[in-house]
Amino acid sequence: MLDNNPKLKKFIHYLLVHPYTSRPRLWTRWFVYPFTIKRGKGSIIRRKARLDLIPSKKFQIGYRTVIEDYVIINNGMGDVIIGDRCGITSRVKLVGPVTIGNLVTMGSSSQITGLTHNFENPDIPIKDQGVTANRTVVEDDVWIGGNSVIIQGIRIGTHCIIASGSVVTRDVPPYSVVAGNPARIIKQYNFETKQWEKPKPKV
């Protein structure tokens, strides 16, 4: 209904969110969040976590997942879905659309984004050109080191390690360790030898 009535949609958005920031109004956080946030049993959202959420997009966390103080989560451009038993450490930033699997740990000050700013028209300030959303996916059982950055549209495979300070600009296959800027694979698990091994150089 709202998509067919842009004026009404704009008005409702104005009531929910401050007109030139991404922060929802206080009444939205008090009276709307309790009905729109989906939480698994035993999940914890610390009091000082910053949730910039709009009701038209999903924010969901699973069983025993913990969102620590000073985490920033924004679903303005897409759903943010976090699985079971995840640890989202202090000062992490998640900007949707983002999907995180089960048993994922994110180190302090790491960030995952599902959008990028448009910049193509040089006659318009970048700030006024809007953004393009592209979902980022982190599969189950991933450890993301502190100060890492995972850009939009990336898929991190299951049981991967993202070393601290890495900038991930391409998909990471399952059972890999990546490091650096841009991040490169430094080890992969070999199921035949049952060892973590350096990747063979490309011919």
C-alpha atoms as a PDB file:
ATOM      1  CA  MET A   1       0.000   0.000   0.000  1.00  0.00           C
ATOM      2  CA  LEU A   2       2.701   2.467   0.971  1.00  0.00           C
ATOM      3  CA  ASP A   3       4.719   1.773  -2.172  1.00  0.00           C
ATOM      4  CA  ASN A   4       1.741   3.003  -4.204  1.00  0.00           C
ATOM      5  CA  ASN A   5       1.433   6.173  -2.156  1.00  0.00           C
ATOM      6  CA  PRO A   6       4.838   7.897  -1.964  1.00  0.00           C
ATOM      7  CA  LYS A   7       3.498  10.966  -0.144  1.00  0.00           C
ATOM      8  CA  LEU A   8       1.995   8.866   2.646  1.00  0.00           C
ATOM      9  CA  LYS A   9       5.167   6.772   2.806  1.00  0.00           C
ATOM     10  CA  LYS A  10       7.290   9.921   3.139  1.00  0.00           C
ATOM     11  CA  PHE A  11       5.015  11.297   5.867  1.00  0.00           C
ATOM     12  CA  ILE A  12       5.094   8.074   7.900  1.00  0.00           C
ATOM     13  CA  HIS A  13       8.888   7.922   7.521  1.00  0.00           C
ATOM     14  CA  TYR A  14       9.054  11.519   8.816  1.00  0.00           C
ATOM     15  CA  LEU A  15       7.024  10.531  11.887  1.00  0.00           C
ATOM     16  CA  LEU A  16       9.308   7.566  12.627  1.00  0.00           C
ATOM     17  CA  VAL A  17      12.773   8.895  11.753  1.00  0.00           C
ATOM     18  CA  HIS A  18      14.524  12.240  12.152  1.00  0.00           C
ATOM     19  CA  PRO A  19      14.383  13.978   8.724  1.00  0.00           C
ATOM     20  CA  TYR A  20      18.128  14.296   8.096  1.00  0.00           C
ATOM     21  CA  THR A  21      19.690  11.594  10.235  1.00  0.00           C
ATOM     22  CA  SER A  22      19.238   7.825  10.319  1.00  0.00           C
ATOM     23  CA  ARG A  23      18.213   7.821  13.981  1.00  0.00           C
ATOM     24  CA  PRO A  24      14.584   6.919  14.699  1.00  0.00           C
ATOM     25  CA  ARG A  25      12.680   9.258  16.960  1.00  0.00           C
ATOM     26  CA  LEU A  26      12.541   8.514  20.678  1.00  0.00           C
ATOM     27  CA  TRP A  27       8.867   7.515  20.611  1.00  0.00           C
ATOM     28  CA  THR A  28       9.643   5.012  17.850  1.00  0.00           C
ATOM     29  CA  ARG A  29      12.347   3.402  19.952  1.00  0.00           C
ATOM     30  CA  TRP A  30      10.115   3.261  23.030  1.00  0.00           C
ATOM     31  CA  PHE A  31       6.798   2.167  21.553  1.00  0.00           C
ATOM     32  CA  VAL A  32       7.503   0.545  18.171  1.00  0.00           C
ATOM     33  CA  TYR A  33      10.705  -1.451  18.703  1.00  0.00           C
ATOM     34  CA  PRO A  34       9.208  -3.863  21.258  1.00  0.00           C
ATOM     35  CA  PHE A  35       6.717  -5.042  18.610  1.00  0.00           C
ATOM     36  CA  THR A  36       9.024  -5.122  15.575  1.00  0.00           C
ATOM     37  CA  ILE A  37      12.280  -6.644  16.888  1.00  0.00           C
ATOM     38  CA  LYS A  38      12.190 -10.448  16.710  1.00  0.00           C
ATOM     39  CA  ARG A  39      14.338 -12.027  19.414  1.00  0.00           C
ATOM     40  CA  GLY A  40      15.198 -15.647  20.084  1.00  0.00           C
ATOM     41  CA  LYS A  41      14.996 -17.100  23.572  1.00  0.00           C
ATOM     42  CA  GLY A  42      17.879 -16.051  25.807  1.00  0.00           C
ATOM     43  CA  SER A  43      19.088 -13.306  23.460  1.00  0.00           C
ATOM     44  CA  ILE A  44      20.570 -10.145  24.953  1.00  0.00           C
ATOM     45  CA  ILE A  45      20.671  -6.594  23.599  1.00  0.00           C
ATOM     46  CA  ARG A  46      22.728  -4.380  25.888  1.00  0.00           C
ATOM     47  CA  ARG A  47      21.214  -1.052  26.904  1.00  0.00           C
ATOM     48  CA  LYS A  48      23.833   1.095  25.157  1.00  0.00           C
ATOM     49  CA  ALA A  49      23.592  -0.639  21.783  1.00  0.00           C
ATOM     50  CA  ARG A  50      22.406   1.791  19.105  1.00  0.00           C
ATOM     51  CA  LEU A  51      19.582   0.403  16.991  1.00  0.00           C
ATOM     52  CA  ASP A  52      18.646   2.588  14.010  1.00  0.00           C
ATOM     53  CA  LEU A  53      15.675   0.531  12.846  1.00  0.00           C
ATOM     54  CA  ILE A  54      12.611   1.154  10.730  1.00  0.00           C
ATOM     55  CA  PRO A  55       9.554  -1.087  11.134  1.00  0.00           C
ATOM     56  CA  SER A  56       9.211  -1.821   7.398  1.00  0.00           C
ATOM     57  CA  LYS A  57      12.493  -3.807   7.456  1.00  0.00           C
ATOM     58  CA  LYS A  58      13.363  -6.814   9.614  1.00  0.00           C
ATOM     59  CA  PHE A  59      15.714  -6.921  12.564  1.00  0.00           C
ATOM     60  CA  GLN A  60      15.964 -10.424  13.956  1.00  0.00           C
ATOM     61  CA  ILE A  61      18.380 -12.134  16.338  1.00  0.00           C
ATOM     62  CA  GLY A  62      18.437 -15.794  17.298  1.00  0.00           C
ATOM     63  CA  TYR A  63      18.693 -17.970  20.386  1.00  0.00           C
ATOM     64  CA  ARG A  64      21.271 -16.750  22.932  1.00  0.00           C
ATOM     65  CA  THR A  65      22.758 -14.166  20.590  1.00  0.00           C
ATOM     66  CA  VAL A  66      24.355 -11.220  22.395  1.00  0.00           C
ATOM     67  CA  ILE A  67      24.521  -7.641  21.082  1.00  0.00           C
ATOM     68  CA  GLU A  68      27.015  -5.760  23.256  1.00  0.00           C
ATOM     69  CA  ASP A  69      27.130  -2.073  24.232  1.00  0.00           C
ATOM     70  CA  TYR A  70      28.024   0.489  21.534  1.00  0.00           C
ATOM     71  CA  VAL A  71      27.124  -1.801  18.638  1.00  0.00           C
ATOM     72  CA  ILE A  72      25.432   0.121  15.787  1.00  0.00           C
ATOM     73  CA  ILE A  73      22.800  -1.681  13.712  1.00  0.00           C
ATOM     74  CA  ASN A  74      20.967   0.008  10.841  1.00  0.00           C
ATOM     75  CA  ASN A  75      18.285  -1.703   8.747  1.00  0.00           C
ATOM     76  CA  GLY A  76      17.177   1.365   6.800  1.00  0.00           C
ATOM     77  CA  MET A  77      18.146  -0.126   3.429  1.00  0.00           C
ATOM     78  CA  GLY A  78      17.543  -3.799   4.161  1.00  0.00           C
ATOM     79  CA  ASP A  79      16.862  -6.529   6.696  1.00  0.00           C
ATOM     80  CA  VAL A  80      19.455  -7.383   9.348  1.00  0.00           C
ATOM     81  CA  ILE A  81      19.110 -11.023  10.353  1.00  0.00           C
ATOM     82  CA  ILE A  82      21.438 -12.646  12.891  1.00  0.00           C
ATOM     83  CA  GLY A  83      21.325 -16.359  13.755  1.00  0.00           C
ATOM     84  CA  ASP A  84      21.675 -18.331  16.985  1.00  0.00           C
ATOM     85  CA  ARG A  85      24.454 -18.062  19.579  1.00  0.00           C
ATOM     86  CA  CYS A  86      26.294 -15.196  17.893  1.00  0.00           C
ATOM     87  CA  GLY A  87      28.532 -12.722  19.689  1.00  0.00           C
ATOM     88  CA  ILE A  88      28.393  -9.163  18.343  1.00  0.00           C
ATOM     89  CA  THR A  89      31.150  -7.433  20.289  1.00  0.00           C
ATOM     90  CA  SER A  90      31.365  -3.789  21.322  1.00  0.00           C
ATOM     91  CA  ARG A  91      31.617  -1.147  18.579  1.00  0.00           C
ATOM     92  CA  VAL A  92      30.670  -3.484  15.738  1.00  0.00           C
ATOM     93  CA  LYS A  93      28.676  -1.828  12.924  1.00  0.00           C
ATOM     94  CA  LEU A  94      26.088  -3.690  10.834  1.00  0.00           C
ATOM     95  CA  VAL A  95      24.345  -1.895   7.978  1.00  0.00           C
ATOM     96  CA  GLY A  96      21.687  -3.917   6.164  1.00  0.00           C
ATOM     97  CA  PRO A  97      20.879  -5.770   4.099  1.00  0.00           C
ATOM     98  CA  VAL A  98      22.986  -8.283   6.034  1.00  0.00           C
ATOM     99  CA  THR A  99      22.397 -11.932   6.939  1.00  0.00           C
ATOM    100  CA  ILE A 100      24.586 -13.584   9.585  1.00  0.00           C
ATOM    101  CA  GLY A 101      24.377 -17.310  10.296  1.00  0.00           C
ATOM    102  CA  ASN A 102      24.695 -19.232  13.557  1.00  0.00           C
ATOM    103  CA  LEU A 103      27.741 -19.294  15.857  1.00  0.00           C
ATOM    104  CA  VAL A 104      29.343 -16.184  14.360  1.00  0.00           C
ATOM    105  CA  THR A 105      31.667 -14.035  16.458  1.00  0.00           C
ATOM    106  CA  MET A 106      32.526 -10.464  15.482  1.00  0.00           C
ATOM    107  CA  GLY A 107      35.515  -8.732  17.076  1.00  0.00           C
ATOM    108  CA  SER A 108      35.488  -5.167  18.337  1.00  0.00           C
ATOM    109  CA  SER A 109      35.131  -2.378  15.740  1.00  0.00           C
ATOM    110  CA  SER A 110      34.584  -4.757  12.833  1.00  0.00           C
ATOM    111  CA  GLN A 111      31.891  -3.842  10.351  1.00  0.00           C
ATOM    112  CA  ILE A 112      29.693  -5.407   7.700  1.00  0.00           C
ATOM    113  CA  THR A 113      27.745  -3.359   5.201  1.00  0.00           C
ATOM    114  CA  GLY A 114      25.139  -4.294   2.637  1.00  0.00           C
ATOM    115  CA  LEU A 115      25.163  -1.005   0.745  1.00  0.00           C
ATOM    116  CA  THR A 116      27.418   1.380  -1.124  1.00  0.00           C
ATOM    117  CA  HIS A 117      27.082   5.091  -1.859  1.00  0.00           C
ATOM    118  CA  ASN A 118      26.390   6.120  -5.421  1.00  0.00           C
ATOM    119  CA  PHE A 119      28.903   8.556  -6.915  1.00  0.00           C
ATOM    120  CA  GLU A 120      28.563   8.392 -10.714  1.00  0.00           C
ATOM    121  CA  ASN A 121      27.225  11.917 -11.350  1.00  0.00           C
ATOM    122  CA  PRO A 122      29.998  14.483 -10.703  1.00  0.00           C
ATOM    123  CA  ASP A 123      27.472  17.340 -10.763  1.00  0.00           C
ATOM    124  CA  ILE A 124      25.681  16.053  -7.655  1.00  0.00           C
ATOM    125  CA  PRO A 125      27.304  15.763  -4.212  1.00  0.00           C
ATOM    126  CA  ILE A 126      27.912  12.103  -3.332  1.00  0.00           C
ATOM    127  CA  LYS A 127      25.886  12.621  -0.161  1.00  0.00           C
ATOM    128  CA  ASP A 128      22.815  13.409  -2.301  1.00  0.00           C
ATOM    129  CA  GLN A 129      23.124  10.546  -4.807  1.00  0.00           C
ATOM    130  CA  GLY A 130      21.660   7.878  -2.579  1.00  0.00           C
ATOM    131  CA  VAL A 131      22.847   4.334  -2.026  1.00  0.00           C
ATOM    132  CA  THR A 132      22.615   0.929  -3.677  1.00  0.00           C
ATOM    133  CA  ALA A 133      21.829  -2.121  -1.542  1.00  0.00           C
ATOM    134  CA  ASN A 134      23.444  -5.519  -2.127  1.00  0.00           C
ATOM    135  CA  ARG A 135      22.979  -8.147   0.578  1.00  0.00           C
ATOM    136  CA  THR A 136      26.082  -9.378   2.424  1.00  0.00           C
ATOM    137  CA  VAL A 137      25.973 -12.924   3.821  1.00  0.00           C
ATOM    138  CA  VAL A 138      28.089 -14.522   6.541  1.00  0.00           C
ATOM    139  CA  GLU A 139      27.458 -18.250   6.840  1.00  0.00           C
ATOM    140  CA  ASP A 140      27.611 -20.361  10.035  1.00  0.00           C
ATOM    141  CA  ASP A 141      30.601 -20.698  12.354  1.00  0.00           C
ATOM    142  CA  VAL A 142      32.689 -17.701  11.241  1.00  0.00           C
ATOM    143  CA  TRP A 143      35.119 -15.683  13.348  1.00  0.00           C
ATOM    144  CA  ILE A 144      35.585 -12.078  12.223  1.00  0.00           C
ATOM    145  CA  GLY A 145      38.587 -10.389  13.814  1.00  0.00           C
ATOM    146  CA  GLY A 146      38.542  -6.879  15.240  1.00  0.00           C
ATOM    147  CA  ASN A 147      38.739  -3.852  12.924  1.00  0.00           C
ATOM    148  CA  SER A 148      37.826  -5.952   9.883  1.00  0.00           C
ATOM    149  CA  VAL A 149      35.638  -4.582   7.082  1.00  0.00           C
ATOM    150  CA  ILE A 150      33.387  -6.714   4.880  1.00  0.00           C
ATOM    151  CA  ILE A 151      31.948  -4.751   1.979  1.00  0.00           C
ATOM    152  CA  GLN A 152      28.567  -5.076   0.307  1.00  0.00           C
ATOM    153  CA  GLY A 153      27.531  -8.119  -1.682  1.00  0.00           C
ATOM    154  CA  ILE A 154      30.153 -10.457  -0.200  1.00  0.00           C
ATOM    155  CA  ARG A 155      29.512 -14.044   0.923  1.00  0.00           C
ATOM    156  CA  ILE A 156      31.714 -15.527   3.655  1.00  0.00           C
ATOM    157  CA  GLY A 157      31.577 -19.345   3.668  1.00  0.00           C
ATOM    158  CA  THR A 158      31.098 -21.528   6.722  1.00  0.00           C
ATOM    159  CA  HIS A 159      33.940 -22.035   9.255  1.00  0.00           C
ATOM    160  CA  CYS A 160      36.070 -19.141   7.988  1.00  0.00           C
ATOM    161  CA  ILE A 161      38.425 -16.886   9.900  1.00  0.00           C
ATOM    162  CA  ILE A 162      38.750 -13.234   8.926  1.00  0.00           C
ATOM    163  CA  ALA A 163      42.015 -11.987  10.452  1.00  0.00           C
ATOM    164  CA  SER A 164      41.985  -8.739  12.406  1.00  0.00           C
ATOM    165  CA  GLY A 165      42.241  -5.634  10.237  1.00  0.00           C
ATOM    166  CA  SER A 166      41.269  -7.391   7.016  1.00  0.00           C
ATOM    167  CA  VAL A 167      39.306  -5.668   4.242  1.00  0.00           C
ATOM    168  CA  VAL A 168      37.234  -8.309   2.464  1.00  0.00           C
ATOM    169  CA  THR A 169      36.380  -7.303  -1.102  1.00  0.00           C
ATOM    170  CA  ARG A 170      35.455 -10.684  -2.625  1.00  0.00           C
ATOM    171  CA  ASP A 171      33.691 -13.897  -1.653  1.00  0.00           C
ATOM    172  CA  VAL A 172      35.526 -16.217   0.743  1.00  0.00           C
ATOM    173  CA  PRO A 173      35.098 -19.984   0.198  1.00  0.00           C
ATOM    174  CA  PRO A 174      34.231 -22.204   3.183  1.00  0.00           C
ATOM    175  CA  TYR A 175      36.990 -23.388   5.539  1.00  0.00           C
ATOM    176  CA  SER A 176      39.390 -20.557   4.682  1.00  0.00           C
ATOM    177  CA  VAL A 177      41.558 -18.092   6.586  1.00  0.00           C
ATOM    178  CA  VAL A 178      41.928 -14.672   4.964  1.00  0.00           C
ATOM    179  CA  ALA A 179      44.038 -11.674   5.912  1.00  0.00           C
ATOM    180  CA  GLY A 180      45.209  -8.351   4.546  1.00  0.00           C
ATOM    181  CA  ASN A 181      43.941  -5.398   2.526  1.00  0.00           C
ATOM    182  CA  PRO A 182      42.515  -6.547   0.231  1.00  0.00           C
ATOM    183  CA  ALA A 183      42.047  -9.823   2.082  1.00  0.00           C
ATOM    184  CA  ARG A 184      43.612 -12.913   0.495  1.00  0.00           C
ATOM    185  CA  ILE A 185      43.388 -16.585   1.396  1.00  0.00           C
ATOM    186  CA  ILE A 186      46.390 -17.623   3.484  1.00  0.00           C
ATOM    187  CA  LYS A 187      45.153 -21.056   4.576  1.00  0.00           C
ATOM    188  CA  GLN A 188      42.457 -23.562   3.673  1.00  0.00           C
ATOM    189  CA  TYR A 189      41.399 -26.753   5.374  1.00  0.00           C
ATOM    190  CA  ASN A 190      42.266 -29.942   3.474  1.00  0.00           C
ATOM    191  CA  PHE A 191      39.764 -32.654   4.365  1.00  0.00           C
ATOM    192  CA  GLU A 192      42.029 -35.367   2.946  1.00  0.00           C
ATOM    193  CA  THR A 193      45.086 -34.509   5.065  1.00  0.00           C
ATOM    194  CA  LYS A 194      42.973 -33.009   7.884  1.00  0.00           C
ATOM    195  CA  GLN A 195      45.334 -30.027   8.006  1.00  0.00           C
ATOM    196  CA  TRP A 196      45.119 -26.298   7.438  1.00  0.00           C
ATOM    197  CA  GLU A 197      47.375 -25.665   4.444  1.00  0.00           C
ATOM    198  CA  LYS A 198      48.620 -22.741   2.409  1.00  0.00           C
ATOM    199  CA  PRO A 199      46.831 -22.519  -0.956  1.00  0.00           C
ATOM    200  CA  LYS A 200      48.763 -23.805  -3.938  1.00  0.00           C
ATOM    201  CA  PRO A 201      50.060 -21.023  -6.206  1.00  0.00           C
ATOM    202  CA  LYS A 202      48.085 -20.531  -9.411  1.00  0.00           C
ATOM    203  CA  VAL A 203      49.895 -21.623 -12.564  1.00  0.00           C
END
